[in-house]
Protein backbone atom coordinates (compact mmCIF):
# COMPACT_ATOMS: atom_id res chain seq x y z
CA MET A 1 151.56 -78.49 85.20
CA GLN A 2 151.94 -81.99 86.52
CA THR A 3 153.40 -84.99 84.74
CA ASN A 4 151.99 -88.48 85.18
CA HIS A 5 154.03 -91.72 85.33
CA ASN A 6 153.98 -92.00 81.51
CA GLY A 7 155.62 -88.61 81.17
CA ASN A 8 152.45 -86.97 79.80
CA SER A 9 151.50 -83.51 81.03
CA GLN A 10 148.31 -83.16 83.03
CA LEU A 11 146.45 -79.96 83.72
CA ASN A 12 145.41 -79.15 87.23
CA PRO A 13 141.81 -80.50 87.35
CA TYR A 14 140.53 -77.31 89.00
CA LEU A 15 142.14 -75.15 86.32
CA LEU A 16 140.79 -77.41 83.58
CA LYS A 17 137.27 -77.18 85.04
CA GLU A 18 137.56 -73.40 85.29
CA ILE A 19 138.66 -73.11 81.65
CA LEU A 20 136.02 -75.51 80.31
CA GLU A 21 133.23 -73.69 82.14
CA ALA A 22 134.42 -70.17 81.28
CA THR A 23 132.45 -67.91 78.98
CA PRO A 24 134.19 -66.58 75.85
CA GLN A 25 134.54 -63.23 77.63
CA GLN A 26 136.18 -64.85 80.66
CA LEU A 27 138.57 -66.73 78.38
CA ILE A 28 139.65 -63.48 76.69
CA LEU A 29 140.37 -61.93 80.09
CA LYS A 30 142.36 -65.04 81.09
CA ILE A 31 144.45 -64.74 77.93
CA TYR A 32 145.13 -61.08 78.76
CA ASP A 33 146.15 -62.17 82.27
CA LEU A 34 148.52 -64.80 80.85
CA ALA A 35 150.05 -62.28 78.44
CA ILE A 36 150.56 -59.70 81.20
CA ILE A 37 152.06 -62.23 83.61
CA SER A 38 154.34 -63.55 80.86
CA CYS A 39 155.54 -60.02 80.15
CA ARG A 40 156.21 -59.40 83.84
CA LYS A 41 158.30 -62.59 83.87
CA GLU A 42 159.91 -61.48 80.58
CA ASN A 43 158.92 -64.79 79.00
CA LEU A 44 159.07 -63.95 75.30
CA VAL A 45 157.56 -67.24 74.06
CA LYS A 46 154.52 -67.22 76.35
CA ALA A 47 153.94 -63.48 75.93
CA ASN A 48 154.10 -63.72 72.14
CA GLY A 49 151.86 -66.80 72.11
CA SER A 50 149.26 -65.14 74.31
CA ILE A 51 149.21 -62.00 72.18
CA GLN A 52 148.83 -64.17 69.09
CA ALA A 53 145.88 -65.95 70.74
CA LEU A 54 144.26 -62.55 71.29
CA ALA A 55 144.85 -61.68 67.63
CA ASN A 56 143.39 -65.02 66.53
CA ALA A 57 140.21 -64.29 68.52
CA LEU A 58 139.45 -61.11 66.59
CA ASN A 59 136.26 -60.94 64.50
CA PHE A 60 136.72 -59.67 60.95
CA GLU A 61 133.44 -61.08 59.59
CA ASN A 62 131.05 -58.59 61.18
CA LYS A 63 131.45 -55.15 59.55
CA GLU A 64 131.18 -53.23 62.85
CA ALA A 65 133.54 -55.59 64.69
CA ALA A 66 136.04 -55.56 61.81
CA LYS A 67 136.75 -51.85 62.33
CA ILE A 68 137.65 -52.45 65.97
CA SER A 69 139.50 -55.68 65.15
CA ILE A 70 141.77 -53.94 62.65
CA GLY A 71 142.84 -51.44 65.31
CA LEU A 72 143.36 -54.16 67.88
CA LEU A 73 145.35 -56.26 65.42
CA ARG A 74 147.69 -53.30 64.86
CA LEU A 75 148.13 -52.92 68.62
CA TYR A 76 148.77 -56.65 69.07
CA LYS A 77 151.37 -56.64 66.27
CA PHE A 78 153.02 -53.62 67.89
CA CYS A 79 153.05 -55.47 71.22
CA GLN A 80 154.61 -58.54 69.61
CA GLU A 81 157.31 -56.35 68.08
CA LYS A 82 158.05 -54.75 71.46
CA VAL A 83 158.18 -58.19 73.13
CA ARG A 84 160.78 -59.29 70.55
CA GLU A 85 162.74 -56.14 71.45
CA ASN A 86 162.47 -57.08 75.16
CA ASN A 87 160.51 -53.88 75.83
CA PHE A 88 158.02 -55.59 78.13
CA ASN A 89 157.01 -52.52 80.16
CA ILE A 90 155.18 -50.82 77.27
CA VAL A 91 153.42 -54.10 76.44
CA ILE A 92 152.31 -54.54 80.06
CA LYS A 93 150.87 -51.00 80.01
CA ILE A 94 148.99 -51.52 76.72
CA LEU A 95 147.64 -54.97 77.59
CA SER A 96 146.63 -53.92 81.12
CA GLU A 97 144.63 -50.97 79.75
CA LEU A 98 143.00 -53.16 77.08
CA ARG A 99 142.15 -55.81 79.65
CA GLU A 100 140.53 -53.22 81.91
CA ALA A 101 138.51 -51.81 78.99
CA TRP A 102 137.30 -55.28 77.97
CA SER A 103 136.45 -56.13 81.57
CA LYS A 104 134.25 -53.03 81.81
CA ALA A 105 132.67 -53.75 78.41
CA PHE A 106 131.86 -57.35 79.34
CA VAL A 107 129.97 -56.21 82.45
CA ASN A 108 127.53 -54.41 80.15
CA ILE A 109 126.83 -57.49 78.02
């Protein structure tokens, strides 16, 4: 992230364009990527924040989606607990497998 002469942070314009034009599915995959990278770097704050963003994106309003969302919420909470314990390897494994599953599911949409 760049800082301008006033000390304000500026996003890379290419990254900003990519995010603004991304579909909801692409954004979810990008959040998974950020969470996985943050775990690899053992960055507790970014990893926890990314996992929380995934939890916040869950759909509990639709009855069918709520069943899946409850299971995912439990997994995300487990991952957050493991991140706080600095057990990043298990979180990387879980999030990588979830990301791959979502990636395959999104192809069929």
